PDB file of N, CA and C in Angstrom:
ATOM      1  N   MET A   1      96.344  99.167 116.704  1.00  0.00           N
ATOM      2  CA  MET A   1      94.918  99.238 116.471  1.00  0.00           C
ATOM      3  C   MET A   1      94.254 100.195 117.460  1.00  0.00           C
ATOM      4  N   GLY A   2      94.673 100.124 118.700  1.00  0.00           N
ATOM      5  CA  GLY A   2      94.083 100.991 119.716  1.00  0.00           C
ATOM      6  C   GLY A   2      94.285 102.458 119.394  1.00  0.00           C
ATOM      7  N   TRP A   3      95.501 102.797 118.948  1.00  0.00           N
ATOM      8  CA  TRP A   3      95.774 104.191 118.586  1.00  0.00           C
ATOM      9  C   TRP A   3      94.864 104.626 117.451  1.00  0.00           C
ATOM     10  N   ALA A   4      94.720 103.776 116.442  1.00  0.00           N
ATOM     11  CA  ALA A   4      93.876 104.119 115.286  1.00  0.00           C
ATOM     12  C   ALA A   4      92.424 104.303 115.717  1.00  0.00           C
ATOM     13  N   GLU A   5      91.924 103.400 116.534  1.00  0.00           N
ATOM     14  CA  GLU A   5      90.538 103.505 116.996  1.00  0.00           C
ATOM     15  C   GLU A   5      90.327 104.765 117.829  1.00  0.00           C
ATOM     16  N   ASN A   6      91.268 105.063 118.701  1.00  0.00           N
ATOM     17  CA  ASN A   6      91.143 106.248 119.560  1.00  0.00           C
ATOM     18  C   ASN A   6      91.331 107.555 118.793  1.00  0.00           C
ATOM     19  N   SER A   7      92.030 107.500 117.674  1.00  0.00           N
ATOM     20  CA  SER A   7      92.339 108.703 116.898  1.00  0.00           C
ATOM     21  C   SER A   7      91.524 108.807 115.609  1.00  0.00           C
ATOM     22  N   GLU A   8      90.554 107.929 115.430  1.00  0.00           N
ATOM     23  CA  GLU A   8      89.822 107.837 114.163  1.00  0.00           C
ATOM     24  C   GLU A   8      89.264 109.169 113.689  1.00  0.00           C
ATOM     25  N   ILE A   9      88.610 109.910 114.548  1.00  0.00           N
ATOM     26  CA  ILE A   9      88.001 111.173 114.128  1.00  0.00           C
ATOM     27  C   ILE A   9      89.073 112.202 113.772  1.00  0.00           C
ATOM     28  N   ASP A  10      90.181 112.224 114.502  1.00  0.00           N
ATOM     29  CA  ASP A  10      91.258 113.170 114.194  1.00  0.00           C
ATOM     30  C   ASP A  10      91.942 112.827 112.878  1.00  0.00           C
ATOM     31  N   ILE A  11      92.133 111.548 112.618  1.00  0.00           N
ATOM     32  CA  ILE A  11      92.736 111.124 111.349  1.00  0.00           C
ATOM     33  C   ILE A  11      91.811 111.505 110.196  1.00  0.00           C
ATOM     34  N   TRP A  12      90.530 111.246 110.373  1.00  0.00           N
ATOM     35  CA  TRP A  12      89.548 111.574 109.345  1.00  0.00           C
ATOM     36  C   TRP A  12      89.571 113.076 109.044  1.00  0.00           C
ATOM     37  N   LYS A  13      89.581 113.899 110.090  1.00  0.00           N
ATOM     38  CA  LYS A  13      89.642 115.352 109.914  1.00  0.00           C
ATOM     39  C   LYS A  13      90.909 115.748 109.149  1.00  0.00           C
ATOM     40  N   TYR A  14      92.024 115.113 109.475  1.00  0.00           N
ATOM     41  CA  TYR A  14      93.288 115.405 108.808  1.00  0.00           C
ATOM     42  C   TYR A  14      93.185 115.105 107.313  1.00  0.00           C
ATOM     43  N   PHE A  15      92.631 113.940 106.978  1.00  0.00           N
ATOM     44  CA  PHE A  15      92.475 113.570 105.568  1.00  0.00           C
ATOM     45  C   PHE A  15      91.536 114.543 104.845  1.00  0.00           C
ATOM     46  N   ILE A  16      90.449 114.933 105.476  1.00  0.00           N
ATOM     47  CA  ILE A  16      89.477 115.850 104.864  1.00  0.00           C
ATOM     48  C   ILE A  16      90.080 117.247 104.711  1.00  0.00           C
ATOM     49  N   GLN A  17      90.652 117.780 105.777  1.00  0.00           N
ATOM     50  CA  GLN A  17      91.206 119.142 105.747  1.00  0.00           C
ATOM     51  C   GLN A  17      92.346 119.272 104.743  1.00  0.00           C
ATOM     52  N   ASN A  18      93.093 118.195 104.528  1.00  0.00           N
ATOM     53  CA  ASN A  18      94.209 118.224 103.587  1.00  0.00           C
ATOM     54  C   ASN A  18      93.824 117.683 102.214  1.00  0.00           C
ATOM     55  N   GLU A  19      92.514 117.503 102.009  1.00  0.00           N
ATOM     56  CA  GLU A  19      91.954 117.073 100.718  1.00  0.00           C
ATOM     57  C   GLU A  19      92.670 115.854 100.152  1.00  0.00           C
ATOM     58  N   MET A  20      92.789 114.814 100.965  1.00  0.00           N
ATOM     59  CA  MET A  20      93.530 113.620 100.584  1.00  0.00           C
ATOM     60  C   MET A  20      92.660 112.479 100.056  1.00  0.00           C
ATOM     61  N   LEU A  21      91.350 112.558 100.223  1.00  0.00           N
ATOM     62  CA  LEU A  21      90.502 111.428  99.847  1.00  0.00           C
ATOM     63  C   LEU A  21      90.580 111.076  98.366  1.00  0.00           C
ATOM     64  N   TYR A  22      90.620 112.053  97.509  1.00  0.00           N
ATOM     65  CA  TYR A  22      90.643 111.789  96.070  1.00  0.00           C
ATOM     66  C   TYR A  22      91.973 112.187  95.439  1.00  0.00           C
ATOM     67  N   ASP A  23      92.978 112.418  96.262  1.00  0.00           N
ATOM     68  CA  ASP A  23      94.296 112.814  95.772  1.00  0.00           C
ATOM     69  C   ASP A  23      95.051 111.575  95.288  1.00  0.00           C
ATOM     70  N   SER A  24      95.587 111.631  94.093  1.00  0.00           N
ATOM     71  CA  SER A  24      96.299 110.472  93.522  1.00  0.00           C
ATOM     72  C   SER A  24      97.820 110.628  93.610  1.00  0.00           C
ATOM     73  N   ASN A  25      98.291 111.527  94.440  1.00  0.00           N
ATOM     74  CA  ASN A  25      99.722 111.738  94.614  1.00  0.00           C
ATOM     75  C   ASN A  25     100.366 110.448  95.130  1.00  0.00           C
ATOM     76  N   PRO A  26     101.342 109.886  94.406  1.00  0.00           N
ATOM     77  CA  PRO A  26     101.972 108.633  94.840  1.00  0.00           C
ATOM     78  C   PRO A  26     102.690 108.744  96.184  1.00  0.00           C
ATOM     79  N   GLN A  27     103.051 109.943  96.595  1.00  0.00           N
ATOM     80  CA  GLN A  27     103.694 110.107  97.900  1.00  0.00           C
ATOM     81  C   GLN A  27     102.744 109.748  99.040  1.00  0.00           C
ATOM     82  N   LEU A  28     101.441 109.887  98.819  1.00  0.00           N
ATOM     83  CA  LEU A  28     100.479 109.524  99.855  1.00  0.00           C
ATOM     84  C   LEU A  28     100.469 108.017 100.091  1.00  0.00           C
ATOM     85  N   VAL A  29     100.716 107.255  99.037  1.00  0.00           N
ATOM     86  CA  VAL A  29     100.801 105.795  99.177  1.00  0.00           C
ATOM     87  C   VAL A  29     101.956 105.458 100.118  1.00  0.00           C
ATOM     88  N   ALA A  30     103.095 106.073  99.907  1.00  0.00           N
ATOM     89  CA  ALA A  30     104.249 105.824 100.769  1.00  0.00           C
ATOM     90  C   ALA A  30     103.975 106.257 102.206  1.00  0.00           C
ATOM     91  N   ARG A  31     103.237 107.326 102.380  1.00  0.00           N
ATOM     92  CA  ARG A  31     102.971 107.856 103.719  1.00  0.00           C
ATOM     93  C   ARG A  31     101.939 107.062 104.503  1.00  0.00           C
ATOM     94  N   PHE A  32     100.921 106.523 103.798  1.00  0.00           N
ATOM     95  CA  PHE A  32      99.787 105.941 104.520  1.00  0.00           C
ATOM     96  C   PHE A  32      99.407 104.509 104.133  1.00  0.00           C
ATOM     97  N   ILE A  33      99.977 103.959 103.075  1.00  0.00           N
ATOM     98  CA  ILE A  33      99.578 102.626 102.616  1.00  0.00           C
ATOM     99  C   ILE A  33     100.712 101.600 102.731  1.00  0.00           C
ATOM    100  N   GLU A  34     101.902 101.970 102.318  1.00  0.00           N
ATOM    101  CA  GLU A  34     103.017 101.028 102.297  1.00  0.00           C
ATOM    102  C   GLU A  34     103.484 100.666 103.702  1.00  0.00           C
ATOM    103  N   GLU A  35     104.186  99.519 103.765  1.00  0.00           N
ATOM    104  CA  GLU A  35     104.778  99.082 105.032  1.00  0.00           C
ATOM    105  C   GLU A  35     105.691 100.179 105.573  1.00  0.00           C
ATOM    106  N   ALA A  36     105.586 100.443 106.848  1.00  0.00           N
ATOM    107  CA  ALA A  36     106.434 101.447 107.492  1.00  0.00           C
ATOM    108  C   ALA A  36     106.289 101.282 109.000  1.00  0.00           C
ATOM    109  N   PRO A  37     107.255 101.768 109.739  1.00  0.00           N
ATOM    110  CA  PRO A  37     107.111 101.671 111.196  1.00  0.00           C
ATOM    111  C   PRO A  37     106.014 102.589 111.736  1.00  0.00           C
ATOM    112  N   PHE A  38     105.686 103.646 110.988  1.00  0.00           N
ATOM    113  CA  PHE A  38     104.606 104.553 111.395  1.00  0.00           C
ATOM    114  C   PHE A  38     104.092 105.278 110.159  1.00  0.00           C
ATOM    115  N   SER A  39     102.904 105.862 110.278  1.00  0.00           N
ATOM    116  CA  SER A  39     102.344 106.677 109.195  1.00  0.00           C
ATOM    117  C   SER A  39     102.957 108.065 109.285  1.00  0.00           C
ATOM    118  N   LYS A  40     102.995 108.747 108.163  1.00  0.00           N
ATOM    119  CA  LYS A  40     103.700 110.029 108.109  1.00  0.00           C
ATOM    120  C   LYS A  40     102.725 111.193 107.919  1.00  0.00           C
ATOM    121  N   PHE A  41     102.222 111.689 109.031  1.00  0.00           N
ATOM    122  CA  PHE A  41     101.361 112.870 109.019  1.00  0.00           C
ATOM    123  C   PHE A  41     102.208 114.143 109.032  1.00  0.00           C
ATOM    124  N   PHE A  42     103.487 113.983 109.364  1.00  0.00           N
ATOM    125  CA  PHE A  42     104.415 115.093 109.570  1.00  0.00           C
ATOM    126  C   PHE A  42     103.960 115.938 110.762  1.00  0.00           C
ATOM    127  N   LEU A  43     103.497 115.231 111.788  1.00  0.00           N
ATOM    128  CA  LEU A  43     103.058 115.844 113.037  1.00  0.00           C
ATOM    129  C   LEU A  43     103.703 115.095 114.200  1.00  0.00           C
ATOM    130  N   GLU A  44     103.541 115.613 115.381  1.00  0.00           N
ATOM    131  CA  GLU A  44     104.077 114.966 116.586  1.00  0.00           C
ATOM    132  C   GLU A  44     103.520 113.550 116.767  1.00  0.00           C
ATOM    133  N   VAL A  45     102.297 113.283 116.289  1.00  0.00           N
ATOM    134  CA  VAL A  45     101.660 111.973 116.480  1.00  0.00           C
ATOM    135  C   VAL A  45     102.318 110.866 115.661  1.00  0.00           C
ATOM    136  N   ASP A  46     103.180 111.213 114.721  1.00  0.00           N
ATOM    137  CA  ASP A  46     103.795 110.196 113.872  1.00  0.00           C
ATOM    138  C   ASP A  46     104.426 109.070 114.686  1.00  0.00           C
ATOM    139  N   LYS A  47     105.134 109.410 115.725  1.00  0.00           N
ATOM    140  CA  LYS A  47     105.833 108.396 116.508  1.00  0.00           C
ATOM    141  C   LYS A  47     104.879 107.410 117.177  1.00  0.00           C
ATOM    142  N   ASP A  48     103.633 107.796 117.362  1.00  0.00           N
ATOM    143  CA  ASP A  48     102.630 106.934 117.988  1.00  0.00           C
ATOM    144  C   ASP A  48     101.767 106.186 116.971  1.00  0.00           C
ATOM    145  N   SER A  49     101.739 106.683 115.749  1.00  0.00           N
ATOM    146  CA  SER A  49     100.831 106.118 114.746  1.00  0.00           C
ATOM    147  C   SER A  49     101.393 104.827 114.156  1.00  0.00           C
ATOM    148  N   PRO A  50     100.512 103.887 113.827  1.00  0.00           N
ATOM    149  CA  PRO A  50     100.974 102.668 113.164  1.00  0.00           C
ATOM    150  C   PRO A  50     101.191 102.934 111.677  1.00  0.00           C
ATOM    151  N   GLY A  51     102.016 102.129 111.055  1.00  0.00           N
ATOM    152  CA  GLY A  51     102.144 102.198 109.603  1.00  0.00           C
ATOM    153  C   GLY A  51     100.860 101.698 108.954  1.00  0.00           C
ATOM    154  N   ARG A  52     100.686 102.018 107.692  1.00  0.00           N
ATOM    155  CA  ARG A  52      99.558 101.544 106.880  1.00  0.00           C
ATOM    156  C   ARG A  52      98.196 101.995 107.409  1.00  0.00           C
ATOM    157  N   ILE A  53      98.117 103.179 107.990  1.00  0.00           N
ATOM    158  CA  ILE A  53      96.849 103.662 108.535  1.00  0.00           C
ATOM    159  C   ILE A  53      95.795 103.809 107.439  1.00  0.00           C
ATOM    160  N   GLY A  54      96.225 104.074 106.204  1.00  0.00           N
ATOM    161  CA  GLY A  54      95.283 104.175 105.087  1.00  0.00           C
ATOM    162  C   GLY A  54      94.573 102.865 104.806  1.00  0.00           C
ATOM    163  N   VAL A  55      95.277 101.758 104.979  1.00  0.00           N
ATOM    164  CA  VAL A  55      94.667 100.432 104.802  1.00  0.00           C
ATOM    165  C   VAL A  55      93.611 100.217 105.872  1.00  0.00           C
ATOM    166  N   TRP A  56      93.950 100.567 107.108  1.00  0.00           N
ATOM    167  CA  TRP A  56      92.990 100.422 108.211  1.00  0.00           C
ATOM    168  C   TRP A  56      91.749 101.271 107.938  1.00  0.00           C
ATOM    169  N   PHE A  57      91.972 102.509 107.458  1.00  0.00           N
ATOM    170  CA  PHE A  57      90.844 103.394 107.177  1.00  0.00           C
ATOM    171  C   PHE A  57      89.976 102.840 106.056  1.00  0.00           C
ATOM    172  N   GLY A  58      90.608 102.312 105.035  1.00  0.00           N
ATOM    173  CA  GLY A  58      89.850 101.687 103.944  1.00  0.00           C
ATOM    174  C   GLY A  58      88.968 100.570 104.460  1.00  0.00           C
ATOM    175  N   TRP A  59      89.499  99.782 105.374  1.00  0.00           N
ATOM    176  CA  TRP A  59      88.721  98.683 105.946  1.00  0.00           C
ATOM    177  C   TRP A  59      87.533  99.220 106.747  1.00  0.00           C
ATOM    178  N   GLN A  60      87.694 100.327 107.434  1.00  0.00           N
ATOM    179  CA  GLN A  60      86.573 100.911 108.182  1.00  0.00           C
ATOM    180  C   GLN A  60      85.445 101.314 107.224  1.00  0.00           C
ATOM    181  N   ILE A  61      85.825 101.856 106.075  1.00  0.00           N
ATOM    182  CA  ILE A  61      84.837 102.269 105.066  1.00  0.00           C
ATOM    183  C   ILE A  61      84.144 101.053 104.482  1.00  0.00           C
ATOM    184  N   VAL A  62      84.896 100.014 104.178  1.00  0.00           N
ATOM    185  CA  VAL A  62      84.295  98.782 103.629  1.00  0.00           C
ATOM    186  C   VAL A  62      83.373  98.145 104.663  1.00  0.00           C
ATOM    187  N   LYS A  63      83.793  98.111 105.928  1.00  0.00           N
ATOM    188  CA  LYS A  63      82.920  97.558 106.973  1.00  0.00           C
ATOM    189  C   LYS A  63      81.622  98.349 107.067  1.00  0.00           C
ATOM    190  N   SER A  64      81.710  99.664 106.968  1.00  0.00           N
ATOM    191  CA  SER A  64      80.516 100.495 107.008  1.00  0.00           C
ATOM    192  C   SER A  64      79.611 100.189 105.814  1.00  0.00           C
ATOM    193  N   TYR A  65      80.213  99.988 104.662  1.00  0.00           N
ATOM    194  CA  TYR A  65      79.443  99.632 103.462  1.00  0.00           C
ATOM    195  C   TYR A  65      78.711  98.310 103.680  1.00  0.00           C
ATOM    196  N   ILE A  66      79.425  97.323 104.204  1.00  0.00           N
ATOM    197  CA  ILE A  66      78.828  96.004 104.459  1.00  0.00           C
ATOM    198  C   ILE A  66      77.664  96.130 105.432  1.00  0.00           C
ATOM    199  N   ASN A  67      77.847  96.936 106.479  1.00  0.00           N
ATOM    200  CA  ASN A  67      76.792  97.103 107.484  1.00  0.00           C
ATOM    201  C   ASN A  67      75.578  97.866 106.969  1.00  0.00           C
ATOM    202  N   ASN A  68      75.756  98.684 105.930  1.00  0.00           N
ATOM    203  CA  ASN A  68      74.660  99.517 105.432  1.00  0.00           C
ATOM    204  C   ASN A  68      74.082  99.072 104.089  1.00  0.00           C
ATOM    205  N   ASN A  69      74.587  97.980 103.536  1.00  0.00           N
ATOM    206  CA  ASN A  69      74.112  97.503 102.234  1.00  0.00           C
ATOM    207  C   ASN A  69      73.999  95.988 102.256  1.00  0.00           C
ATOM    208  N   ASP A  70      73.015  95.505 101.596  1.00  0.00           N
ATOM    209  CA  ASP A  70      72.810  94.063 101.513  1.00  0.00           C
ATOM    210  C   ASP A  70      73.465  93.556 100.227  1.00  0.00           C
ATOM    211  N   ALA A  71      74.778  93.383 100.270  1.00  0.00           N
ATOM    212  CA  ALA A  71      75.510  92.964  99.076  1.00  0.00           C
ATOM    213  C   ALA A  71      76.416  91.795  99.426  1.00  0.00           C
ATOM    214  N   PRO A  72      76.404  90.748  98.604  1.00  0.00           N
ATOM    215  CA  PRO A  72      77.298  89.620  98.852  1.00  0.00           C
ATOM    216  C   PRO A  72      78.753  89.997  98.542  1.00  0.00           C
ATOM    217  N   LEU A  73      79.671  89.268  99.128  1.00  0.00           N
ATOM    218  CA  LEU A  73      81.097  89.552  98.961  1.00  0.00           C
ATOM    219  C   LEU A  73      81.499  89.597  97.486  1.00  0.00           C
ATOM    220  N   GLN A  74      80.974  88.691  96.677  1.00  0.00           N
ATOM    221  CA  GLN A  74      81.325  88.677  95.253  1.00  0.00           C
ATOM    222  C   GLN A  74      80.953  89.995  94.584  1.00  0.00           C
ATOM    223  N   GLU A  75      79.847  90.578  94.974  1.00  0.00           N
ATOM    224  CA  GLU A  75      79.418  91.859  94.410  1.00  0.00           C
ATOM    225  C   GLU A  75      80.304  93.002  94.910  1.00  0.00           C
ATOM    226  N   ILE A  76      80.633  92.970  96.183  1.00  0.00           N
ATOM    227  CA  ILE A  76      81.481  94.016  96.754  1.00  0.00           C
ATOM    228  C   ILE A  76      82.847  94.029  96.065  1.00  0.00           C
ATOM    229  N   MET A  77      83.371  92.856  95.764  1.00  0.00           N
ATOM    230  CA  MET A  77      84.702  92.753  95.155  1.00  0.00           C
ATOM    231  C   MET A  77      84.775  93.406  93.778  1.00  0.00           C
ATOM    232  N   VAL A  78      83.655  93.540  93.086  1.00  0.00           N
ATOM    233  CA  VAL A  78      83.661  94.151  91.753  1.00  0.00           C
ATOM    234  C   VAL A  78      83.011  95.536  91.743  1.00  0.00           C
ATOM    235  N   THR A  79      82.643  96.023  92.915  1.00  0.00           N
ATOM    236  CA  THR A  79      82.024  97.344  93.019  1.00  0.00           C
ATOM    237  C   THR A  79      83.109  98.414  92.998  1.00  0.00           C
ATOM    238  N   ASP A  80      82.869  99.463  92.256  1.00  0.00           N
ATOM    239  CA  ASP A  80      83.787 100.587  92.149  1.00  0.00           C
ATOM    240  C   ASP A  80      84.043 101.183  93.529  1.00  0.00           C
ATOM    241  N   ASN A  81      85.306 101.540  93.805  1.00  0.00           N
ATOM    242  CA  ASN A  81      85.651 102.059  95.133  1.00  0.00           C
ATOM    243  C   ASN A  81      84.912 103.349  95.482  1.00  0.00           C
ATOM    244  N   GLU A  82      84.665 104.211  94.512  1.00  0.00           N
ATOM    245  CA  GLU A  82      83.921 105.440  94.796  1.00  0.00           C
ATOM    246  C   GLU A  82      82.471 105.121  95.162  1.00  0.00           C
ATOM    247  N   GLU A  83      81.925 104.105  94.517  1.00  0.00           N
ATOM    248  CA  GLU A  83      80.558 103.664  94.820  1.00  0.00           C
ATOM    249  C   GLU A  83      80.488 103.129  96.256  1.00  0.00           C
ATOM    250  N   ILE A  84      81.483 102.352  96.630  1.00  0.00           N
ATOM    251  CA  ILE A  84      81.540 101.829  98.005  1.00  0.00           C
ATOM    252  C   ILE A  84      81.608 102.991  98.985  1.00  0.00           C
ATOM    253  N   PHE A  85      82.467 103.960  98.712  1.00  0.00           N
ATOM    254  CA  PHE A  85      82.598 105.099  99.614  1.00  0.00           C
ATOM    255  C   PHE A  85      81.284 105.863  99.742  1.00  0.00           C
ATOM    256  N   LYS A  86      80.658 106.166  98.613  1.00  0.00           N
ATOM    257  CA  LYS A  86      79.403 106.938  98.640  1.00  0.00           C
ATOM    258  C   LYS A  86      78.314 106.225  99.432  1.00  0.00           C
ATOM    259  N   HIS A  87      78.216 104.917  99.266  1.00  0.00           N
ATOM    260  CA  HIS A  87      77.125 104.170  99.889  1.00  0.00           C
ATOM    261  C   HIS A  87      77.502 103.553 101.237  1.00  0.00           C
ATOM    262  N   SER A  88      78.717 103.827 101.690  1.00  0.00           N
ATOM    263  CA  SER A  88      79.138 103.275 102.979  1.00  0.00           C
ATOM    264  C   SER A  88      78.486 104.001 104.145  1.00  0.00           C
ATOM    265  N   LYS A  89      78.158 105.265 103.937  1.00  0.00           N
ATOM    266  CA  LYS A  89      77.639 106.116 105.017  1.00  0.00           C
ATOM    267  C   LYS A  89      78.636 106.168 106.167  1.00  0.00           C
ATOM    268  N   TYR A  90      79.913 106.092 105.818  1.00  0.00           N
ATOM    269  CA  TYR A  90      80.969 106.070 106.834  1.00  0.00           C
ATOM    270  C   TYR A  90      81.009 107.366 107.631  1.00  0.00           C
ATOM    271  N   LYS A  91      81.086 107.217 108.935  1.00  0.00           N
ATOM    272  CA  LYS A  91      81.314 108.337 109.853  1.00  0.00           C
ATOM    273  C   LYS A  91      82.259 107.819 110.922  1.00  0.00           C
ATOM    274  N   PRO A  92      83.329 108.550 111.180  1.00  0.00           N
ATOM    275  CA  PRO A  92      84.255 108.080 112.217  1.00  0.00           C
ATOM    276  C   PRO A  92      83.589 108.082 113.584  1.00  0.00           C
ATOM    277  N   LYS A  93      84.025 107.130 114.398  1.00  0.00           N
ATOM    278  CA  LYS A  93      83.490 107.034 115.759  1.00  0.00           C
ATOM    279  C   LYS A  93      84.033 108.183 116.600  1.00  0.00           C
ATOM    280  N   LYS A  94      83.155 108.801 117.352  1.00  0.00           N
ATOM    281  CA  LYS A  94      83.580 109.868 118.261  1.00  0.00           C
ATOM    282  C   LYS A  94      84.185 109.240 119.499  1.00  0.00           C
ATOM    283  N   SER A  95      85.304 109.817 119.947  1.00  0.00           N
ATOM    284  CA  SER A  95      85.965 109.253 121.142  1.00  0.00           C
ATOM    285  C   SER A  95      85.286 109.716 122.402  1.00  0.00           C
TER     286      SER A  95
END
C-alpha cells in the first residue's frame, strides 16, 4: 500500500501516457488486475510494485466519487463505471 500511495502520480501518468484507461486489451487485466506477486509495468519498478495495482487504483477513483457526490451505496453499485470516473473528479495525490 505504501508503494502505491507514494507512486500514485507516477502510476497515473503511466496509465495516461500509455492510453490504458479505456483499453480493453485482456493482457492489461493480467498485468494490473489479476493476482500476481507484482504488477507488470515492464519497468525497473516492477519488483517493488504490488500485484493488482489496477484494483487499488479503481478504489481510489470510487473513493473520490464518494467524496464528491452525495450518492448512497445502492446507487453507486448500479452506476455505470464511466459515469463514476467522469464524476469522481479523481486527481492523484502529489508526493
